[in-house]
Structures are given as C-alpha cells and as structure tokens.
N, C-alpha and C. Protein backbone atom coordinates (compact mmCIF):
# COMPACT_ATOMS: atom_id res chain seq x y z
N MET A 1 19.56 -18.81 16.91
CA MET A 1 18.58 -18.83 15.84
C MET A 1 17.79 -17.51 15.79
N LYS A 2 17.44 -16.98 16.97
CA LYS A 2 16.69 -15.73 17.04
C LYS A 2 17.47 -14.58 16.39
N GLN A 3 18.79 -14.53 16.63
CA GLN A 3 19.61 -13.46 16.05
C GLN A 3 19.71 -13.61 14.53
N ILE A 4 19.79 -14.83 14.04
CA ILE A 4 19.85 -15.07 12.60
C ILE A 4 18.54 -14.63 11.96
N THR A 5 17.41 -14.97 12.58
CA THR A 5 16.12 -14.56 12.05
C THR A 5 16.00 -13.05 12.01
N LEU A 6 16.39 -12.38 13.07
CA LEU A 6 16.34 -10.93 13.11
C LEU A 6 17.26 -10.33 12.05
N LEU A 7 18.47 -10.85 11.93
CA LEU A 7 19.39 -10.37 10.92
C LEU A 7 18.79 -10.54 9.53
N PHE A 8 18.13 -11.67 9.28
CA PHE A 8 17.46 -11.92 8.02
C PHE A 8 16.40 -10.84 7.77
N LEU A 9 15.57 -10.57 8.76
CA LEU A 9 14.52 -9.56 8.61
C LEU A 9 15.11 -8.18 8.35
N VAL A 10 16.14 -7.84 9.07
CA VAL A 10 16.78 -6.54 8.90
C VAL A 10 17.39 -6.44 7.51
N THR A 11 18.07 -7.49 7.06
CA THR A 11 18.73 -7.48 5.77
C THR A 11 17.73 -7.47 4.61
N ILE A 12 16.77 -8.37 4.65
CA ILE A 12 15.84 -8.52 3.54
C ILE A 12 14.83 -7.39 3.47
N PHE A 13 14.29 -6.98 4.60
CA PHE A 13 13.20 -6.02 4.60
C PHE A 13 13.61 -4.61 5.00
N GLY A 14 14.86 -4.40 5.35
CA GLY A 14 15.31 -3.08 5.74
C GLY A 14 14.68 -2.61 7.03
N LEU A 15 14.40 -3.53 7.93
CA LEU A 15 13.74 -3.19 9.19
C LEU A 15 14.75 -2.86 10.27
N SER A 16 14.33 -2.03 11.19
CA SER A 16 15.13 -1.83 12.39
C SER A 16 14.73 -2.92 13.38
N ALA A 17 15.57 -3.16 14.35
CA ALA A 17 15.29 -4.22 15.32
C ALA A 17 13.99 -3.98 16.06
N THR A 18 13.65 -2.74 16.40
CA THR A 18 12.41 -2.50 17.14
C THR A 18 11.20 -2.76 16.27
N HIS A 19 11.25 -2.39 15.00
CA HIS A 19 10.10 -2.64 14.14
C HIS A 19 9.96 -4.12 13.79
N ALA A 20 11.03 -4.84 13.78
CA ALA A 20 10.97 -6.24 13.41
C ALA A 20 10.33 -7.09 14.51
N GLN A 21 10.30 -6.59 15.75
CA GLN A 21 9.88 -7.44 16.85
C GLN A 21 8.64 -6.98 17.60
N GLU A 22 8.12 -5.81 17.32
CA GLU A 22 6.92 -5.40 18.04
C GLU A 22 6.11 -4.39 17.24
N ILE A 23 4.82 -4.40 17.51
CA ILE A 23 3.90 -3.43 16.93
C ILE A 23 3.44 -2.54 18.07
N LYS A 24 3.59 -1.24 17.88
CA LYS A 24 3.14 -0.27 18.88
C LYS A 24 2.20 0.70 18.19
N PRO A 25 1.12 1.07 18.86
CA PRO A 25 0.22 2.04 18.23
C PRO A 25 0.91 3.38 18.01
N GLU A 26 0.70 3.93 16.86
CA GLU A 26 1.25 5.25 16.54
C GLU A 26 0.61 6.28 17.47
N ARG A 27 1.39 7.26 17.88
CA ARG A 27 0.88 8.33 18.74
C ARG A 27 -0.20 9.14 18.04
N GLY A 28 -1.18 9.55 18.82
CA GLY A 28 -2.24 10.40 18.28
C GLY A 28 -3.44 9.63 17.75
N TYR A 29 -3.36 8.31 17.79
CA TYR A 29 -4.45 7.47 17.30
C TYR A 29 -4.99 6.63 18.46
N SER A 30 -6.22 6.17 18.33
CA SER A 30 -6.74 5.20 19.30
C SER A 30 -5.91 3.92 19.15
N ASN A 31 -6.00 3.04 20.11
CA ASN A 31 -5.13 1.86 20.15
C ASN A 31 -5.19 1.00 18.89
N ASP A 32 -6.37 0.52 18.51
CA ASP A 32 -6.47 -0.38 17.36
C ASP A 32 -6.11 0.32 16.05
N ILE A 33 -6.57 1.54 15.91
CA ILE A 33 -6.23 2.31 14.71
C ILE A 33 -4.73 2.57 14.68
N GLY A 34 -4.15 2.92 15.82
CA GLY A 34 -2.71 3.18 15.88
C GLY A 34 -1.88 1.96 15.53
N ASN A 35 -2.31 0.78 15.98
CA ASN A 35 -1.62 -0.46 15.60
C ASN A 35 -1.72 -0.70 14.10
N THR A 36 -2.89 -0.47 13.55
CA THR A 36 -3.08 -0.66 12.11
C THR A 36 -2.22 0.32 11.31
N VAL A 37 -2.17 1.57 11.73
CA VAL A 37 -1.32 2.57 11.07
C VAL A 37 0.14 2.14 11.12
N ALA A 38 0.58 1.63 12.27
CA ALA A 38 1.97 1.16 12.39
C ALA A 38 2.25 0.04 11.39
N MET A 39 1.30 -0.89 11.25
CA MET A 39 1.50 -2.00 10.32
C MET A 39 1.43 -1.54 8.87
N LEU A 40 0.50 -0.64 8.56
CA LEU A 40 0.42 -0.09 7.20
C LEU A 40 1.72 0.61 6.83
N ASP A 41 2.23 1.41 7.75
CA ASP A 41 3.48 2.14 7.48
C ASP A 41 4.67 1.20 7.36
N ASP A 42 4.69 0.14 8.16
CA ASP A 42 5.77 -0.84 8.06
C ASP A 42 5.77 -1.51 6.69
N LEU A 43 4.61 -1.93 6.23
CA LEU A 43 4.53 -2.57 4.91
C LEU A 43 4.90 -1.58 3.81
N LYS A 44 4.42 -0.35 3.93
CA LYS A 44 4.75 0.66 2.93
C LYS A 44 6.26 0.89 2.87
N ALA A 45 6.90 0.93 4.02
CA ALA A 45 8.36 1.12 4.06
C ALA A 45 9.07 -0.05 3.39
N ARG A 46 8.57 -1.25 3.57
CA ARG A 46 9.18 -2.42 2.93
C ARG A 46 9.06 -2.35 1.41
N VAL A 47 7.88 -2.00 0.93
CA VAL A 47 7.70 -1.86 -0.52
C VAL A 47 8.60 -0.75 -1.04
N THR A 48 8.58 0.39 -0.37
CA THR A 48 9.39 1.53 -0.79
C THR A 48 10.87 1.17 -0.84
N ASN A 49 11.36 0.51 0.20
CA ASN A 49 12.77 0.12 0.21
C ASN A 49 13.12 -0.83 -0.93
N SER A 50 12.16 -1.62 -1.36
CA SER A 50 12.40 -2.56 -2.46
C SER A 50 12.52 -1.88 -3.81
N VAL A 51 11.84 -0.73 -3.97
CA VAL A 51 11.73 -0.15 -5.31
C VAL A 51 12.34 1.24 -5.46
N LYS A 52 12.65 1.92 -4.38
CA LYS A 52 13.02 3.35 -4.45
C LYS A 52 14.22 3.65 -5.34
N ASP A 53 15.10 2.70 -5.55
CA ASP A 53 16.30 2.95 -6.35
C ASP A 53 16.22 2.38 -7.77
N LEU A 54 15.03 1.98 -8.19
CA LEU A 54 14.89 1.42 -9.53
C LEU A 54 15.13 2.49 -10.59
N ASN A 55 15.82 2.10 -11.66
CA ASN A 55 15.94 3.00 -12.80
C ASN A 55 14.69 2.85 -13.67
N GLN A 56 14.61 3.62 -14.75
CA GLN A 56 13.40 3.60 -15.57
C GLN A 56 13.16 2.23 -16.22
N LYS A 57 14.21 1.60 -16.69
CA LYS A 57 14.07 0.28 -17.31
C LYS A 57 13.50 -0.72 -16.30
N GLU A 58 13.98 -0.67 -15.08
CA GLU A 58 13.50 -1.59 -14.04
C GLU A 58 12.07 -1.25 -13.63
N THR A 59 11.75 0.03 -13.53
CA THR A 59 10.40 0.46 -13.16
C THR A 59 9.39 0.00 -14.19
N ASP A 60 9.79 -0.02 -15.46
CA ASP A 60 8.89 -0.37 -16.57
C ASP A 60 8.97 -1.83 -17.01
N PHE A 61 9.80 -2.63 -16.36
CA PHE A 61 9.99 -4.03 -16.75
C PHE A 61 8.67 -4.79 -16.72
N LEU A 62 8.43 -5.56 -17.80
CA LEU A 62 7.26 -6.45 -17.86
C LEU A 62 7.75 -7.88 -17.88
N LEU A 63 7.29 -8.66 -16.95
CA LEU A 63 7.66 -10.06 -16.84
C LEU A 63 7.14 -10.84 -18.06
N ASP A 64 5.93 -10.51 -18.47
CA ASP A 64 5.33 -11.07 -19.69
C ASP A 64 4.21 -10.15 -20.15
N LYS A 65 3.56 -10.48 -21.24
CA LYS A 65 2.57 -9.57 -21.83
C LYS A 65 1.32 -9.38 -20.97
N GLU A 66 1.10 -10.23 -19.99
CA GLU A 66 -0.06 -10.11 -19.10
C GLU A 66 0.30 -9.51 -17.74
N ALA A 67 1.57 -9.27 -17.50
CA ALA A 67 2.05 -8.79 -16.19
C ALA A 67 1.82 -7.29 -16.04
N ASN A 68 2.10 -6.81 -14.84
CA ASN A 68 2.07 -5.38 -14.55
C ASN A 68 3.47 -4.92 -14.21
N ARG A 69 3.74 -3.67 -14.53
CA ARG A 69 5.02 -3.07 -14.20
C ARG A 69 5.08 -2.73 -12.71
N VAL A 70 6.27 -2.66 -12.16
CA VAL A 70 6.44 -2.32 -10.75
C VAL A 70 5.83 -0.96 -10.46
N GLY A 71 6.07 0.02 -11.31
CA GLY A 71 5.49 1.35 -11.09
C GLY A 71 3.98 1.30 -11.05
N ALA A 72 3.39 0.54 -11.95
CA ALA A 72 1.93 0.41 -11.98
C ALA A 72 1.42 -0.24 -10.70
N LEU A 73 2.16 -1.21 -10.18
CA LEU A 73 1.74 -1.87 -8.95
C LEU A 73 1.79 -0.92 -7.76
N VAL A 74 2.79 -0.07 -7.70
CA VAL A 74 2.86 0.93 -6.63
C VAL A 74 1.67 1.89 -6.76
N MET A 75 1.38 2.30 -7.98
CA MET A 75 0.23 3.18 -8.20
C MET A 75 -1.07 2.47 -7.83
N HIS A 76 -1.13 1.18 -8.08
CA HIS A 76 -2.29 0.37 -7.71
C HIS A 76 -2.48 0.37 -6.18
N LEU A 77 -1.39 0.27 -5.45
CA LEU A 77 -1.48 0.30 -3.99
C LEU A 77 -2.03 1.65 -3.52
N ALA A 78 -1.57 2.73 -4.13
CA ALA A 78 -2.09 4.05 -3.78
C ALA A 78 -3.57 4.17 -4.12
N ALA A 79 -3.95 3.69 -5.31
CA ALA A 79 -5.36 3.76 -5.74
C ALA A 79 -6.27 2.96 -4.83
N THR A 80 -5.82 1.80 -4.42
CA THR A 80 -6.62 0.96 -3.52
C THR A 80 -6.83 1.68 -2.19
N GLU A 81 -5.79 2.32 -1.72
CA GLU A 81 -5.90 3.06 -0.47
C GLU A 81 -6.87 4.24 -0.60
N VAL A 82 -6.82 4.94 -1.72
CA VAL A 82 -7.77 6.03 -1.95
C VAL A 82 -9.19 5.49 -1.98
N TYR A 83 -9.38 4.36 -2.65
CA TYR A 83 -10.72 3.77 -2.71
C TYR A 83 -11.24 3.50 -1.30
N TYR A 84 -10.42 2.90 -0.45
CA TYR A 84 -10.87 2.59 0.91
C TYR A 84 -11.03 3.85 1.76
N GLN A 85 -10.35 4.92 1.42
CA GLN A 85 -10.62 6.19 2.09
C GLN A 85 -12.06 6.63 1.83
N VAL A 86 -12.43 6.70 0.55
CA VAL A 86 -13.79 7.18 0.24
C VAL A 86 -14.84 6.17 0.68
N TYR A 87 -14.51 4.90 0.63
CA TYR A 87 -15.48 3.87 1.03
C TYR A 87 -15.73 3.91 2.52
N THR A 88 -14.68 3.95 3.33
CA THR A 88 -14.87 3.89 4.79
C THR A 88 -15.22 5.24 5.40
N PHE A 89 -14.69 6.32 4.89
CA PHE A 89 -14.95 7.62 5.50
C PHE A 89 -16.17 8.32 4.91
N GLU A 90 -16.52 7.99 3.67
CA GLU A 90 -17.64 8.66 3.02
C GLU A 90 -18.74 7.71 2.60
N GLY A 91 -18.52 6.41 2.71
CA GLY A 91 -19.56 5.43 2.39
C GLY A 91 -19.92 5.36 0.92
N ARG A 92 -18.93 5.52 0.05
CA ARG A 92 -19.21 5.52 -1.39
C ARG A 92 -18.02 4.95 -2.15
N GLY A 93 -18.21 4.74 -3.45
CA GLY A 93 -17.11 4.38 -4.34
C GLY A 93 -16.55 5.64 -4.98
N PHE A 94 -15.72 5.45 -5.98
CA PHE A 94 -15.12 6.60 -6.68
C PHE A 94 -16.19 7.41 -7.40
N ASN A 95 -16.04 8.73 -7.36
CA ASN A 95 -16.85 9.59 -8.22
C ASN A 95 -16.15 9.67 -9.59
N LYS A 96 -16.70 10.41 -10.51
CA LYS A 96 -16.14 10.47 -11.87
C LYS A 96 -14.72 11.02 -11.90
N LYS A 97 -14.47 12.06 -11.11
CA LYS A 97 -13.14 12.66 -11.06
C LYS A 97 -12.12 11.67 -10.50
N GLU A 98 -12.48 10.98 -9.44
CA GLU A 98 -11.58 9.99 -8.82
C GLU A 98 -11.38 8.79 -9.75
N GLU A 99 -12.43 8.38 -10.41
CA GLU A 99 -12.32 7.26 -11.36
C GLU A 99 -11.37 7.62 -12.49
N LYS A 100 -11.45 8.86 -12.96
CA LYS A 100 -10.56 9.29 -14.04
C LYS A 100 -9.10 9.24 -13.58
N LYS A 101 -8.84 9.70 -12.35
CA LYS A 101 -7.47 9.72 -11.86
C LYS A 101 -6.96 8.33 -11.48
N TRP A 102 -7.80 7.52 -10.82
CA TRP A 102 -7.34 6.28 -10.21
C TRP A 102 -7.84 5.01 -10.89
N GLY A 103 -8.76 5.11 -11.83
CA GLY A 103 -9.38 3.92 -12.43
C GLY A 103 -8.39 2.96 -13.08
N ALA A 104 -7.48 3.48 -13.89
CA ALA A 104 -6.51 2.60 -14.55
C ALA A 104 -5.60 1.92 -13.53
N ALA A 105 -5.27 2.64 -12.47
CA ALA A 105 -4.42 2.06 -11.43
C ALA A 105 -5.18 0.99 -10.64
N MET A 106 -6.47 1.16 -10.48
CA MET A 106 -7.27 0.15 -9.76
C MET A 106 -7.38 -1.13 -10.57
N SER A 107 -7.68 -1.00 -11.85
CA SER A 107 -7.93 -2.20 -12.66
C SER A 107 -6.70 -2.76 -13.35
N LEU A 108 -5.69 -1.92 -13.56
CA LEU A 108 -4.45 -2.32 -14.23
C LEU A 108 -4.74 -2.95 -15.58
N GLY A 109 -4.29 -4.15 -15.87
CA GLY A 109 -4.53 -4.78 -17.17
C GLY A 109 -3.97 -3.97 -18.32
N ASP A 110 -4.63 -4.08 -19.49
CA ASP A 110 -4.15 -3.40 -20.70
C ASP A 110 -4.07 -1.89 -20.50
N GLU A 111 -5.09 -1.31 -19.87
CA GLU A 111 -5.09 0.14 -19.65
C GLU A 111 -3.91 0.56 -18.77
N GLY A 112 -3.66 -0.19 -17.73
CA GLY A 112 -2.53 0.11 -16.85
C GLY A 112 -1.19 -0.06 -17.55
N ARG A 113 -1.07 -1.09 -18.39
CA ARG A 113 0.19 -1.30 -19.11
C ARG A 113 0.47 -0.15 -20.07
N LYS A 114 -0.58 0.44 -20.63
CA LYS A 114 -0.39 1.58 -21.54
C LYS A 114 -0.11 2.88 -20.79
N LYS A 115 -0.81 3.08 -19.68
CA LYS A 115 -0.73 4.35 -18.97
C LYS A 115 0.51 4.48 -18.10
N PHE A 116 0.91 3.41 -17.44
CA PHE A 116 1.98 3.50 -16.44
C PHE A 116 3.30 3.01 -17.01
N VAL A 117 3.87 3.83 -17.86
CA VAL A 117 5.15 3.56 -18.49
C VAL A 117 5.87 4.88 -18.70
N ASP A 118 7.20 4.85 -18.64
CA ASP A 118 8.03 6.05 -18.80
C ASP A 118 7.78 7.11 -17.72
N ILE A 119 7.43 6.64 -16.54
CA ILE A 119 7.23 7.52 -15.38
C ILE A 119 8.19 7.04 -14.30
N PRO A 120 8.97 7.93 -13.71
CA PRO A 120 9.95 7.50 -12.72
C PRO A 120 9.29 6.93 -11.46
N ILE A 121 9.98 6.00 -10.82
CA ILE A 121 9.46 5.37 -9.60
C ILE A 121 9.17 6.42 -8.53
N SER A 122 9.93 7.50 -8.52
CA SER A 122 9.71 8.56 -7.53
C SER A 122 8.30 9.16 -7.64
N TYR A 123 7.77 9.24 -8.85
CA TYR A 123 6.40 9.76 -9.03
C TYR A 123 5.39 8.86 -8.31
N TYR A 124 5.49 7.58 -8.54
CA TYR A 124 4.55 6.64 -7.92
C TYR A 124 4.67 6.67 -6.40
N LEU A 125 5.90 6.71 -5.91
CA LEU A 125 6.11 6.75 -4.45
C LEU A 125 5.60 8.06 -3.86
N ASP A 126 5.79 9.17 -4.58
CA ASP A 126 5.26 10.45 -4.10
C ASP A 126 3.73 10.43 -4.03
N GLN A 127 3.10 9.83 -5.04
CA GLN A 127 1.64 9.71 -5.04
C GLN A 127 1.18 8.91 -3.82
N TRP A 128 1.86 7.79 -3.57
CA TRP A 128 1.49 6.94 -2.44
C TRP A 128 1.74 7.65 -1.12
N ASP A 129 2.82 8.43 -1.04
CA ASP A 129 3.09 9.21 0.18
C ASP A 129 1.93 10.18 0.47
N GLU A 130 1.47 10.87 -0.56
CA GLU A 130 0.35 11.81 -0.39
C GLU A 130 -0.91 11.09 0.07
N VAL A 131 -1.18 9.97 -0.54
CA VAL A 131 -2.36 9.18 -0.17
C VAL A 131 -2.25 8.72 1.28
N ARG A 132 -1.09 8.24 1.67
CA ARG A 132 -0.92 7.75 3.04
C ARG A 132 -1.08 8.87 4.05
N GLU A 133 -0.57 10.05 3.74
CA GLU A 133 -0.74 11.18 4.67
C GLU A 133 -2.22 11.49 4.86
N GLU A 134 -2.99 11.42 3.79
CA GLU A 134 -4.43 11.66 3.89
C GLU A 134 -5.10 10.55 4.71
N THR A 135 -4.71 9.31 4.49
CA THR A 135 -5.25 8.19 5.28
C THR A 135 -5.00 8.44 6.76
N LYS A 136 -3.79 8.81 7.09
CA LYS A 136 -3.44 9.02 8.49
C LYS A 136 -4.18 10.22 9.08
N ARG A 137 -4.34 11.25 8.29
CA ARG A 137 -5.10 12.43 8.76
C ARG A 137 -6.54 12.03 9.07
N LEU A 138 -7.14 11.27 8.18
CA LEU A 138 -8.54 10.85 8.37
C LEU A 138 -8.68 9.87 9.54
N LEU A 139 -7.76 8.93 9.64
CA LEU A 139 -7.85 7.95 10.74
C LEU A 139 -7.63 8.61 12.10
N LYS A 140 -6.87 9.67 12.15
CA LYS A 140 -6.61 10.36 13.41
C LYS A 140 -7.89 10.95 13.99
N LYS A 141 -8.86 11.21 13.13
CA LYS A 141 -10.13 11.80 13.56
C LYS A 141 -11.11 10.75 14.09
N LYS A 142 -10.76 9.48 13.95
CA LYS A 142 -11.67 8.39 14.33
C LYS A 142 -11.17 7.69 15.59
N ASP A 143 -12.05 6.87 16.17
CA ASP A 143 -11.67 6.11 17.36
C ASP A 143 -11.98 4.63 17.14
N ASP A 144 -11.65 3.82 18.14
CA ASP A 144 -11.82 2.37 17.98
C ASP A 144 -13.29 1.95 17.89
N LYS A 145 -14.18 2.75 18.42
CA LYS A 145 -15.62 2.46 18.25
C LYS A 145 -15.98 2.54 16.77
N TRP A 146 -15.52 3.60 16.10
CA TRP A 146 -15.74 3.72 14.65
C TRP A 146 -15.08 2.56 13.92
N PHE A 147 -13.87 2.19 14.34
CA PHE A 147 -13.12 1.12 13.70
C PHE A 147 -13.91 -0.19 13.72
N LYS A 148 -14.65 -0.43 14.80
CA LYS A 148 -15.44 -1.66 14.94
C LYS A 148 -16.78 -1.58 14.23
N SER A 149 -17.19 -0.38 13.84
CA SER A 149 -18.51 -0.20 13.22
C SER A 149 -18.51 -0.65 11.76
N LYS A 150 -19.69 -0.98 11.28
CA LYS A 150 -19.87 -1.46 9.90
C LYS A 150 -19.69 -0.33 8.90
N VAL A 151 -19.22 -0.69 7.74
CA VAL A 151 -19.13 0.25 6.63
C VAL A 151 -20.47 0.18 5.91
N GLY A 152 -21.20 1.27 5.91
CA GLY A 152 -22.50 1.29 5.27
C GLY A 152 -23.43 0.22 5.82
N LYS A 153 -24.13 -0.45 4.93
CA LYS A 153 -25.08 -1.50 5.34
C LYS A 153 -24.54 -2.89 5.11
N GLY A 154 -23.26 -2.99 4.76
CA GLY A 154 -22.66 -4.28 4.49
C GLY A 154 -22.23 -5.01 5.75
N SER A 155 -21.52 -6.11 5.55
CA SER A 155 -21.07 -6.92 6.68
C SER A 155 -19.64 -6.57 7.11
N MET A 156 -18.96 -5.77 6.32
CA MET A 156 -17.56 -5.41 6.59
C MET A 156 -17.50 -4.27 7.61
N ASN A 157 -16.62 -4.39 8.60
CA ASN A 157 -16.41 -3.24 9.48
C ASN A 157 -15.17 -2.47 9.01
N ASN A 158 -15.00 -1.29 9.57
CA ASN A 158 -13.90 -0.42 9.15
C ASN A 158 -12.54 -1.06 9.44
N HIS A 159 -12.44 -1.76 10.55
CA HIS A 159 -11.17 -2.42 10.88
C HIS A 159 -10.82 -3.44 9.80
N TRP A 160 -11.79 -4.25 9.38
CA TRP A 160 -11.51 -5.26 8.36
C TRP A 160 -11.14 -4.57 7.04
N ALA A 161 -11.80 -3.46 6.72
CA ALA A 161 -11.50 -2.75 5.47
C ALA A 161 -10.04 -2.32 5.45
N TRP A 162 -9.56 -1.76 6.57
CA TRP A 162 -8.17 -1.31 6.60
C TRP A 162 -7.20 -2.47 6.75
N TYR A 163 -7.64 -3.55 7.36
CA TYR A 163 -6.84 -4.78 7.35
C TYR A 163 -6.67 -5.24 5.90
N HIS A 164 -7.74 -5.16 5.11
CA HIS A 164 -7.67 -5.57 3.71
C HIS A 164 -6.67 -4.72 2.93
N VAL A 165 -6.63 -3.42 3.18
CA VAL A 165 -5.64 -2.55 2.54
C VAL A 165 -4.24 -3.06 2.88
N MET A 166 -4.05 -3.42 4.14
CA MET A 166 -2.75 -3.91 4.60
C MET A 166 -2.40 -5.23 3.93
N GLU A 167 -3.32 -6.17 3.90
CA GLU A 167 -3.00 -7.46 3.29
C GLU A 167 -2.85 -7.31 1.78
N HIS A 168 -3.52 -6.36 1.20
CA HIS A 168 -3.37 -6.07 -0.23
C HIS A 168 -1.94 -5.60 -0.51
N GLN A 169 -1.43 -4.73 0.36
CA GLN A 169 -0.04 -4.28 0.22
C GLN A 169 0.91 -5.46 0.32
N SER A 170 0.65 -6.33 1.26
CA SER A 170 1.52 -7.49 1.47
C SER A 170 1.52 -8.40 0.25
N ASN A 171 0.36 -8.65 -0.31
CA ASN A 171 0.29 -9.49 -1.51
C ASN A 171 1.08 -8.89 -2.67
N HIS A 172 0.90 -7.60 -2.90
CA HIS A 172 1.61 -6.97 -4.01
C HIS A 172 3.09 -6.78 -3.72
N MET A 173 3.46 -6.69 -2.45
CA MET A 173 4.88 -6.65 -2.10
C MET A 173 5.54 -7.94 -2.58
N GLY A 174 4.89 -9.06 -2.37
CA GLY A 174 5.44 -10.33 -2.86
C GLY A 174 5.52 -10.36 -4.37
N GLN A 175 4.50 -9.86 -5.03
CA GLN A 175 4.50 -9.81 -6.49
C GLN A 175 5.64 -8.92 -6.99
N ILE A 176 5.82 -7.77 -6.36
CA ILE A 176 6.90 -6.86 -6.76
C ILE A 176 8.25 -7.53 -6.57
N ARG A 177 8.43 -8.21 -5.47
CA ARG A 177 9.73 -8.87 -5.22
C ARG A 177 9.98 -9.98 -6.24
N LEU A 178 8.95 -10.70 -6.63
CA LEU A 178 9.12 -11.72 -7.67
C LEU A 178 9.57 -11.05 -8.98
N ILE A 179 8.92 -9.96 -9.35
CA ILE A 179 9.29 -9.25 -10.58
C ILE A 179 10.74 -8.79 -10.50
N LEU A 180 11.13 -8.22 -9.37
CA LEU A 180 12.50 -7.72 -9.22
C LEU A 180 13.52 -8.85 -9.37
N LYS A 181 13.19 -10.02 -8.87
CA LYS A 181 14.11 -11.17 -8.98
C LYS A 181 14.19 -11.69 -10.41
N ARG A 182 13.17 -11.45 -11.20
CA ARG A 182 13.14 -11.97 -12.57
C ARG A 182 13.70 -11.02 -13.61
N MET A 183 14.10 -9.82 -13.20
CA MET A 183 14.67 -8.87 -14.16
C MET A 183 16.00 -9.37 -14.66
N ASP A 184 16.27 -9.15 -15.94
CA ASP A 184 17.55 -9.55 -16.55
C ASP A 184 18.68 -8.68 -16.08
C-alpha cells in the first residue's frame, strides 16, 4: 500500500520520492524558516508542473462567467506572495505603485478577467519565479525568533503569515486542477 501511495504522489504531483516523504529545511535558512521555504517551493513546483505546458486556449479557459483563468490564478499567487513580503518585512500594505502592478491579480474578478487574457503561461510563471526568489532572499536574512514575532501590532506572527501564503497556494492548486479537468 505504501508503494502505491508513493507512486500515486509521484505520478499525480510530479514529486520525487524524497520530496514526497520528508520535509527538510532548505540550506542557508534557520530551521523553521527553512522548513517553510521547502514547503512553499514544493507547492510551487506542483502548481508549475500542472500548468507549465498549457497552450494559450487552456491558459485563458473560463469555466464560467464568474470564474478565473488559470493564468490569472498563477498571477494571483504571485501577487499574494508580494503582499505578504511587504506586510511581514516592511509592516505595510501595497503602495500605489505596487497596487497598480498587483491590484488586479490580488482581487481578480471582472478586472482580472479583463486584464489576464492572451498572455502566455510562461509570463505568469516567470513573474512568480521572480517573486519567489525575492521571498527567499528576504527570508534568508531572518531567523526563527523573527518568524515567531508578531507582524506589526496585530495577533498574527510571521510564521502564520507565511503558512497562510502556503495554504493559499494549496487552495488555488486545487482550484487550478479542477479547471484543468473541466476543459473541453
């Protein structure tokens, strides 16, 4: 049964056997941050493997008039990560320049359906790659004491904020997979 489960994980999610069975902190990071980076990267790889070969029609597919396109959802994941970068590292929300670049991707809806069309999936993945590199650069400068500390004056700590980014990726990964299964 264990081999069948592993084979399922490898087949469905494109995982290697070592990634499917253990989480190890990434080198160069404190322990908790390194574990979180490993999980963030694992989820990102799963989403990327699901969408990297989509053609334009598939990237722009709308399940219905209220849905979001796969490309827009990938851009949304990048925008959410940028938001949590400025929130956790700088203690603020988007400034005007960031809002202009990432606002439609954050809120999606009608604005996102209009803006994120006729753009290749590679563009969205490249944007997310750049965002992730910045996340990793910033997290490398922090330690687990910072990770446990509160963000601003709220009740959320930095660890929970980055856990939320991770669970956000997981939720949208499921949404993306549903969309991919519903394409004609």
